[in-house]
Amino acid sequence: IFANNTMEISKRFTLDYGLRASAYSILGGDTYNRYTNGNKTGSIALSTGTFGKTYFNLEPRVQFNLMLNEKSSLKGGYARNTQHMHLLSNSDPGTPTDQWIGNSYNIKPELSDQISLGYFRNFEDSKYQCSIETYYKDLKNQVDFKNGADINSSPDIESELLYGKGRAYGVEFMVKKTQGKLTGWIGYTLSKTERKIEGISSGNWYNAKQDRTHDLSVVTMYQLSPRW
């Protein structure tokens, strides 16, 4: 469920804000084990047709656009996002695996709080556009395999998981050509994505699988004719 509103406070200042609500319920028909640091501490049996634990989250967001003049603007915002499905990745070169798993009594929804601020400018009547934007994202309830996890023969994959926090931050640059037969853009991102989970990497920050320190994108399009 979500609601959103755009408010034009003045000719130069626009505010966009909203709220999203999401819920995820554990369904019956199975037995769910509880773990602490990988050690089983109990189990919960749910009969078919019943509801177990329900995770409910509110996700506010707000974004502003400030026109500095006819050619440039300043944009920024804050957003909270909730993710109920989690990607488990094993980087073992012998048996690399990726699998998705939902919330449970052990796995909580992943939460992210992101703030961003960017400067945007147009040149030659918007024929060319350039921007620079920076962001910081705080991550909670991150999931990863513990050191030496036995993912092939373990009867319950959740016994091989540990939980902690994460962070992602960086700066993005983009130059875009929007008019003429030849259009496209060049984008470059300098970023860092890390996790910190007790029991992994001696409790220190380590690079997440999603970490891409340098990312360069070059896209070009050429219109041969009105049809092609």
C-alpha atoms as a PDB file:
ATOM      1  CA  ILE A   1       0.000   0.000   0.000  1.00  0.00           C
ATOM      2  CA  PHE A   2       1.424   3.409  -0.874  1.00  0.00           C
ATOM      3  CA  ALA A   3       0.523   7.062  -1.185  1.00  0.00           C
ATOM      4  CA  ASN A   4       2.465   9.835  -2.875  1.00  0.00           C
ATOM      5  CA  ASN A   5       2.063  13.569  -3.368  1.00  0.00           C
ATOM      6  CA  THR A   6       3.919  16.209  -5.363  1.00  0.00           C
ATOM      7  CA  MET A   7       3.807  19.730  -4.002  1.00  0.00           C
ATOM      8  CA  GLU A   8       4.908  22.819  -5.920  1.00  0.00           C
ATOM      9  CA  ILE A   9       5.935  25.100  -3.089  1.00  0.00           C
ATOM     10  CA  SER A  10       7.161  27.793  -5.503  1.00  0.00           C
ATOM     11  CA  LYS A  11       8.126  28.116  -9.161  1.00  0.00           C
ATOM     12  CA  ARG A  12      11.630  27.028  -8.256  1.00  0.00           C
ATOM     13  CA  PHE A  13      11.040  24.537  -5.461  1.00  0.00           C
ATOM     14  CA  THR A  14       9.160  21.221  -5.761  1.00  0.00           C
ATOM     15  CA  LEU A  15       8.680  18.653  -3.014  1.00  0.00           C
ATOM     16  CA  ASP A  16       7.717  15.029  -3.617  1.00  0.00           C
ATOM     17  CA  TYR A  17       6.889  12.858  -0.611  1.00  0.00           C
ATOM     18  CA  GLY A  18       5.147   9.602   0.143  1.00  0.00           C
ATOM     19  CA  LEU A  19       4.706   6.608   2.392  1.00  0.00           C
ATOM     20  CA  ARG A  20       4.662   2.914   1.551  1.00  0.00           C
ATOM     21  CA  ALA A  21       3.555   0.075   3.831  1.00  0.00           C
ATOM     22  CA  SER A  22       4.565  -3.535   3.263  1.00  0.00           C
ATOM     23  CA  ALA A  23       3.833  -6.738   5.151  1.00  0.00           C
ATOM     24  CA  TYR A  24       5.211 -10.264   4.937  1.00  0.00           C
ATOM     25  CA  SER A  25       3.678 -13.215   6.814  1.00  0.00           C
ATOM     26  CA  ILE A  26       5.085 -16.673   7.470  1.00  0.00           C
ATOM     27  CA  LEU A  27       2.522 -19.317   6.464  1.00  0.00           C
ATOM     28  CA  GLY A  28       1.756 -22.614   8.171  1.00  0.00           C
ATOM     29  CA  GLY A  29       2.283 -26.121   6.904  1.00  0.00           C
ATOM     30  CA  ASP A  30       5.893 -26.493   8.048  1.00  0.00           C
ATOM     31  CA  THR A  31       8.208 -26.484  11.051  1.00  0.00           C
ATOM     32  CA  TYR A  32      10.479 -23.477  11.459  1.00  0.00           C
ATOM     33  CA  ASN A  33      13.710 -23.739  13.430  1.00  0.00           C
ATOM     34  CA  ARG A  34      15.221 -20.943  15.511  1.00  0.00           C
ATOM     35  CA  TYR A  35      18.985 -20.371  15.609  1.00  0.00           C
ATOM     36  CA  THR A  36      21.409 -18.221  17.583  1.00  0.00           C
ATOM     37  CA  ASN A  37      24.853 -17.866  15.976  1.00  0.00           C
ATOM     38  CA  GLY A  38      24.142 -21.011  13.981  1.00  0.00           C
ATOM     39  CA  ASN A  39      23.070 -23.089  16.985  1.00  0.00           C
ATOM     40  CA  LYS A  40      19.518 -24.417  17.125  1.00  0.00           C
ATOM     41  CA  THR A  41      17.595 -23.046  20.099  1.00  0.00           C
ATOM     42  CA  GLY A  42      14.079 -24.291  19.338  1.00  0.00           C
ATOM     43  CA  SER A  43      11.427 -24.799  16.678  1.00  0.00           C
ATOM     44  CA  ILE A  44       7.895 -23.679  15.850  1.00  0.00           C
ATOM     45  CA  ALA A  45       5.371 -25.948  14.107  1.00  0.00           C
ATOM     46  CA  LEU A  46       2.585 -24.166  12.218  1.00  0.00           C
ATOM     47  CA  SER A  47      -0.436 -26.043  10.955  1.00  0.00           C
ATOM     48  CA  THR A  48      -1.679 -25.555   7.418  1.00  0.00           C
ATOM     49  CA  GLY A  49      -3.805 -22.461   6.910  1.00  0.00           C
ATOM     50  CA  THR A  50      -2.399 -20.565   9.890  1.00  0.00           C
ATOM     51  CA  PHE A  51      -0.262 -17.444   9.976  1.00  0.00           C
ATOM     52  CA  GLY A  52       2.970 -17.234  11.918  1.00  0.00           C
ATOM     53  CA  LYS A  53       5.103 -14.170  12.442  1.00  0.00           C
ATOM     54  CA  THR A  54       4.219 -11.094  10.368  1.00  0.00           C
ATOM     55  CA  TYR A  55       6.756  -8.401   9.516  1.00  0.00           C
ATOM     56  CA  PHE A  56       5.213  -4.968   8.948  1.00  0.00           C
ATOM     57  CA  ASN A  57       7.271  -2.010   7.757  1.00  0.00           C
ATOM     58  CA  LEU A  58       6.647   1.641   6.920  1.00  0.00           C
ATOM     59  CA  GLU A  59       8.780   3.154   4.168  1.00  0.00           C
ATOM     60  CA  PRO A  60       8.763   6.967   4.051  1.00  0.00           C
ATOM     61  CA  ARG A  61      10.444   8.915   1.275  1.00  0.00           C
ATOM     62  CA  VAL A  62      10.896  12.582   0.394  1.00  0.00           C
ATOM     63  CA  GLN A  63      12.607  14.240  -2.555  1.00  0.00           C
ATOM     64  CA  PHE A  64      13.116  17.881  -3.499  1.00  0.00           C
ATOM     65  CA  ASN A  65      14.016  19.736  -6.678  1.00  0.00           C
ATOM     66  CA  LEU A  66      15.399  23.280  -6.387  1.00  0.00           C
ATOM     67  CA  MET A  67      15.852  25.237  -9.617  1.00  0.00           C
ATOM     68  CA  LEU A  68      18.912  27.452  -9.131  1.00  0.00           C
ATOM     69  CA  ASN A  69      18.404  29.146 -12.519  1.00  0.00           C
ATOM     70  CA  GLU A  70      17.129  28.259 -16.006  1.00  0.00           C
ATOM     71  CA  LYS A  71      20.034  25.875 -16.607  1.00  0.00           C
ATOM     72  CA  SER A  72      20.858  24.226 -13.296  1.00  0.00           C
ATOM     73  CA  SER A  73      19.109  22.556 -10.378  1.00  0.00           C
ATOM     74  CA  LEU A  74      19.814  20.887  -7.081  1.00  0.00           C
ATOM     75  CA  LYS A  75      18.080  17.614  -6.216  1.00  0.00           C
ATOM     76  CA  GLY A  76      18.156  15.522  -3.071  1.00  0.00           C
ATOM     77  CA  GLY A  77      16.137  13.151  -0.979  1.00  0.00           C
ATOM     78  CA  TYR A  78      15.742  10.417   1.583  1.00  0.00           C
ATOM     79  CA  ALA A  79      14.103   7.017   1.192  1.00  0.00           C
ATOM     80  CA  ARG A  80      13.623   3.902   3.289  1.00  0.00           C
ATOM     81  CA  ASN A  81      13.188   0.580   1.508  1.00  0.00           C
ATOM     82  CA  THR A  82      12.322  -2.893   2.775  1.00  0.00           C
ATOM     83  CA  GLN A  83      13.313  -6.147   1.107  1.00  0.00           C
ATOM     84  CA  HIS A  84      11.610  -9.395   2.138  1.00  0.00           C
ATOM     85  CA  MET A  85      13.480 -11.689  -0.268  1.00  0.00           C
ATOM     86  CA  HIS A  86      17.188 -12.288   0.298  1.00  0.00           C
ATOM     87  CA  LEU A  87      19.877 -13.441  -2.121  1.00  0.00           C
ATOM     88  CA  LEU A  88      22.330 -15.970  -0.667  1.00  0.00           C
ATOM     89  CA  SER A  89      25.552 -16.189  -2.675  1.00  0.00           C
ATOM     90  CA  ASN A  90      28.335 -18.743  -2.286  1.00  0.00           C
ATOM     91  CA  SER A  91      31.531 -17.724  -4.052  1.00  0.00           C
ATOM     92  CA  ASP A  92      33.217 -21.129  -3.801  1.00  0.00           C
ATOM     93  CA  PRO A  93      34.792 -21.631  -7.264  1.00  0.00           C
ATOM     94  CA  GLY A  94      33.984 -25.353  -7.093  1.00  0.00           C
ATOM     95  CA  THR A  95      30.255 -24.997  -6.458  1.00  0.00           C
ATOM     96  CA  PRO A  96      29.135 -21.391  -6.946  1.00  0.00           C
ATOM     97  CA  THR A  97      25.461 -20.992  -6.054  1.00  0.00           C
ATOM     98  CA  ASP A  98      22.900 -18.219  -5.796  1.00  0.00           C
ATOM     99  CA  GLN A  99      19.531 -18.798  -4.175  1.00  0.00           C
ATOM    100  CA  TRP A 100      16.667 -16.689  -2.880  1.00  0.00           C
ATOM    101  CA  ILE A 101      15.116 -17.132   0.550  1.00  0.00           C
ATOM    102  CA  GLY A 102      12.263 -15.293   2.253  1.00  0.00           C
ATOM    103  CA  ASN A 103      11.848 -13.923   5.756  1.00  0.00           C
ATOM    104  CA  SER A 104      11.599 -16.418   8.589  1.00  0.00           C
ATOM    105  CA  TYR A 105      11.805 -16.500  12.372  1.00  0.00           C
ATOM    106  CA  ASN A 106      15.573 -16.008  11.973  1.00  0.00           C
ATOM    107  CA  ILE A 107      15.773 -13.841   8.855  1.00  0.00           C
ATOM    108  CA  LYS A 108      14.359 -10.350   9.269  1.00  0.00           C
ATOM    109  CA  PRO A 109      13.511  -7.941   6.408  1.00  0.00           C
ATOM    110  CA  GLU A 110      16.507  -6.072   5.069  1.00  0.00           C
ATOM    111  CA  LEU A 111      16.160  -2.309   5.623  1.00  0.00           C
ATOM    112  CA  SER A 112      17.945   0.503   3.829  1.00  0.00           C
ATOM    113  CA  ASP A 113      17.971   4.220   4.561  1.00  0.00           C
ATOM    114  CA  GLN A 114      19.420   6.254   1.712  1.00  0.00           C
ATOM    115  CA  ILE A 115      20.158   9.947   1.384  1.00  0.00           C
ATOM    116  CA  SER A 116      21.301  11.557  -1.861  1.00  0.00           C
ATOM    117  CA  LEU A 117      22.230  14.980  -3.184  1.00  0.00           C
ATOM    118  CA  GLY A 118      22.942  15.958  -6.767  1.00  0.00           C
ATOM    119  CA  TYR A 119      23.693  18.903  -9.049  1.00  0.00           C
ATOM    120  CA  PHE A 120      22.257  18.944 -12.580  1.00  0.00           C
ATOM    121  CA  ARG A 121      22.977  21.369 -15.420  1.00  0.00           C
ATOM    122  CA  ASN A 122      21.852  21.790 -19.045  1.00  0.00           C
ATOM    123  CA  PHE A 123      23.865  23.250 -21.923  1.00  0.00           C
ATOM    124  CA  GLU A 124      22.841  24.595 -25.340  1.00  0.00           C
ATOM    125  CA  ASP A 125      19.074  24.525 -24.728  1.00  0.00           C
ATOM    126  CA  SER A 126      19.215  21.110 -23.033  1.00  0.00           C
ATOM    127  CA  LYS A 127      21.081  19.517 -25.928  1.00  0.00           C
ATOM    128  CA  TYR A 128      23.681  18.413 -23.424  1.00  0.00           C
ATOM    129  CA  GLN A 129      23.078  17.494 -19.788  1.00  0.00           C
ATOM    130  CA  CYS A 130      25.552  16.769 -17.049  1.00  0.00           C
ATOM    131  CA  SER A 131      25.156  15.778 -13.424  1.00  0.00           C
ATOM    132  CA  ILE A 132      27.066  14.821 -10.310  1.00  0.00           C
ATOM    133  CA  GLU A 133      25.295  12.999  -7.496  1.00  0.00           C
ATOM    134  CA  THR A 134      26.470  11.527  -4.206  1.00  0.00           C
ATOM    135  CA  TYR A 135      24.681   9.079  -1.926  1.00  0.00           C
ATOM    136  CA  TYR A 136      25.008   7.144   1.320  1.00  0.00           C
ATOM    137  CA  LYS A 137      22.967   4.064   2.203  1.00  0.00           C
ATOM    138  CA  ASP A 138      22.748   2.485   5.654  1.00  0.00           C
ATOM    139  CA  LEU A 139      21.768  -1.208   5.594  1.00  0.00           C
ATOM    140  CA  LYS A 140      20.315  -3.335   8.407  1.00  0.00           C
ATOM    141  CA  ASN A 141      19.623  -7.085   8.777  1.00  0.00           C
ATOM    142  CA  GLN A 142      22.161  -8.176   6.189  1.00  0.00           C
ATOM    143  CA  VAL A 143      22.437 -11.927   5.571  1.00  0.00           C
ATOM    144  CA  ASP A 144      25.523 -13.943   4.661  1.00  0.00           C
ATOM    145  CA  PHE A 145      26.947 -17.448   4.978  1.00  0.00           C
ATOM    146  CA  LYS A 146      29.164 -18.077   7.993  1.00  0.00           C
ATOM    147  CA  ASN A 147      32.783 -19.067   7.439  1.00  0.00           C
ATOM    148  CA  GLY A 148      33.051 -22.655   6.171  1.00  0.00           C
ATOM    149  CA  ALA A 149      29.303 -22.959   5.653  1.00  0.00           C
ATOM    150  CA  ASP A 150      28.119 -26.412   4.581  1.00  0.00           C
ATOM    151  CA  ILE A 151      25.480 -25.450   2.028  1.00  0.00           C
ATOM    152  CA  ASN A 152      25.290 -28.796   0.239  1.00  0.00           C
ATOM    153  CA  SER A 153      24.579 -31.285   3.029  1.00  0.00           C
ATOM    154  CA  SER A 154      23.089 -29.064   5.752  1.00  0.00           C
ATOM    155  CA  PRO A 155      19.466 -30.093   6.464  1.00  0.00           C
ATOM    156  CA  ASP A 156      18.489 -26.458   7.098  1.00  0.00           C
ATOM    157  CA  ILE A 157      20.285 -23.681   5.229  1.00  0.00           C
ATOM    158  CA  GLU A 158      19.359 -21.166   7.939  1.00  0.00           C
ATOM    159  CA  SER A 159      21.752 -22.908  10.342  1.00  0.00           C
ATOM    160  CA  GLU A 160      24.603 -21.688   8.098  1.00  0.00           C
ATOM    161  CA  LEU A 161      23.675 -18.000   8.174  1.00  0.00           C
ATOM    162  CA  LEU A 162      24.848 -14.982  10.148  1.00  0.00           C
ATOM    163  CA  TYR A 163      23.385 -11.479  10.306  1.00  0.00           C
ATOM    164  CA  GLY A 164      24.752  -7.958  10.560  1.00  0.00           C
ATOM    165  CA  LYS A 165      24.781  -4.540   8.933  1.00  0.00           C
ATOM    166  CA  GLY A 166      26.036  -2.911   5.769  1.00  0.00           C
ATOM    167  CA  ARG A 167      26.702   0.371   4.040  1.00  0.00           C
ATOM    168  CA  ALA A 168      27.001   1.693   0.508  1.00  0.00           C
ATOM    169  CA  TYR A 169      28.230   5.090  -0.617  1.00  0.00           C
ATOM    170  CA  GLY A 170      29.621   6.754  -3.678  1.00  0.00           C
ATOM    171  CA  VAL A 171      29.494   9.502  -6.278  1.00  0.00           C
ATOM    172  CA  GLU A 172      28.085   9.348  -9.806  1.00  0.00           C
ATOM    173  CA  PHE A 173      28.991  11.462 -12.849  1.00  0.00           C
ATOM    174  CA  MET A 174      27.017  11.585 -16.096  1.00  0.00           C
ATOM    175  CA  VAL A 175      27.181  13.503 -19.375  1.00  0.00           C
ATOM    176  CA  LYS A 176      24.261  13.037 -21.772  1.00  0.00           C
ATOM    177  CA  LYS A 177      23.490  14.190 -25.334  1.00  0.00           C
ATOM    178  CA  THR A 178      19.721  14.306 -25.952  1.00  0.00           C
ATOM    179  CA  GLN A 179      19.306  15.856 -29.431  1.00  0.00           C
ATOM    180  CA  GLY A 180      20.484  15.125 -32.950  1.00  0.00           C
ATOM    181  CA  LYS A 181      20.929  11.862 -34.838  1.00  0.00           C
ATOM    182  CA  LEU A 182      23.681  10.759 -32.467  1.00  0.00           C
ATOM    183  CA  THR A 183      22.578  10.614 -28.817  1.00  0.00           C
ATOM    184  CA  GLY A 184      23.647   8.764 -25.704  1.00  0.00           C
ATOM    185  CA  TRP A 185      25.490   9.185 -22.452  1.00  0.00           C
ATOM    186  CA  ILE A 186      28.668   8.446 -20.542  1.00  0.00           C
ATOM    187  CA  GLY A 187      28.356   7.592 -16.866  1.00  0.00           C
ATOM    188  CA  TYR A 188      30.950   6.799 -14.215  1.00  0.00           C
ATOM    189  CA  THR A 189      30.391   5.705 -10.627  1.00  0.00           C
ATOM    190  CA  LEU A 190      32.955   5.515  -7.840  1.00  0.00           C
ATOM    191  CA  SER A 191      31.391   3.555  -4.981  1.00  0.00           C
ATOM    192  CA  LYS A 192      31.838   1.141  -2.100  1.00  0.00           C
ATOM    193  CA  THR A 193      29.488  -1.546  -0.754  1.00  0.00           C
ATOM    194  CA  GLU A 194      30.451  -3.285   2.485  1.00  0.00           C
ATOM    195  CA  ARG A 195      29.106  -5.549   5.217  1.00  0.00           C
ATOM    196  CA  LYS A 196      30.000  -6.045   8.856  1.00  0.00           C
ATOM    197  CA  ILE A 197      28.877  -9.301  10.456  1.00  0.00           C
ATOM    198  CA  GLU A 198      30.236 -10.843  13.640  1.00  0.00           C
ATOM    199  CA  GLY A 199      31.834 -14.184  12.789  1.00  0.00           C
ATOM    200  CA  ILE A 200      32.916 -13.147   9.287  1.00  0.00           C
ATOM    201  CA  SER A 201      36.242 -11.460   8.464  1.00  0.00           C
ATOM    202  CA  SER A 202      37.022 -11.184  12.209  1.00  0.00           C
ATOM    203  CA  GLY A 203      34.091  -8.809  12.633  1.00  0.00           C
ATOM    204  CA  ASN A 204      35.639  -6.191  10.319  1.00  0.00           C
ATOM    205  CA  TRP A 205      34.072  -4.498   7.289  1.00  0.00           C
ATOM    206  CA  TYR A 206      34.434  -6.577   4.127  1.00  0.00           C
ATOM    207  CA  ASN A 207      33.397  -6.075   0.510  1.00  0.00           C
ATOM    208  CA  ALA A 208      29.907  -7.321  -0.336  1.00  0.00           C
ATOM    209  CA  LYS A 209      29.363  -9.306  -3.527  1.00  0.00           C
ATOM    210  CA  GLN A 210      27.560  -6.265  -4.977  1.00  0.00           C
ATOM    211  CA  ASP A 211      30.643  -4.066  -4.536  1.00  0.00           C
ATOM    212  CA  ARG A 212      31.817  -2.441  -7.767  1.00  0.00           C
ATOM    213  CA  THR A 213      34.369   0.242  -6.953  1.00  0.00           C
ATOM    214  CA  HIS A 214      34.563   1.523 -10.534  1.00  0.00           C
ATOM    215  CA  ASP A 215      31.646   1.358 -12.949  1.00  0.00           C
ATOM    216  CA  LEU A 216      31.758   2.915 -16.429  1.00  0.00           C
ATOM    217  CA  SER A 217      28.791   2.980 -18.815  1.00  0.00           C
ATOM    218  CA  VAL A 218      28.908   4.231 -22.408  1.00  0.00           C
ATOM    219  CA  VAL A 219      25.699   4.195 -24.451  1.00  0.00           C
ATOM    220  CA  THR A 220      25.292   5.540 -28.003  1.00  0.00           C
ATOM    221  CA  MET A 221      22.312   5.591 -30.356  1.00  0.00           C
ATOM    222  CA  TYR A 222      22.249   6.692 -33.973  1.00  0.00           C
ATOM    223  CA  GLN A 223      19.055   7.374 -35.932  1.00  0.00           C
ATOM    224  CA  LEU A 224      19.572   6.192 -39.495  1.00  0.00           C
ATOM    225  CA  SER A 225      16.130   7.443 -40.623  1.00  0.00           C
ATOM    226  CA  PRO A 226      12.707   8.222 -39.123  1.00  0.00           C
ATOM    227  CA  ARG A 227      11.984   4.462 -39.279  1.00  0.00           C
ATOM    228  CA  TRP A 228      15.369   3.075 -38.178  1.00  0.00           C
END
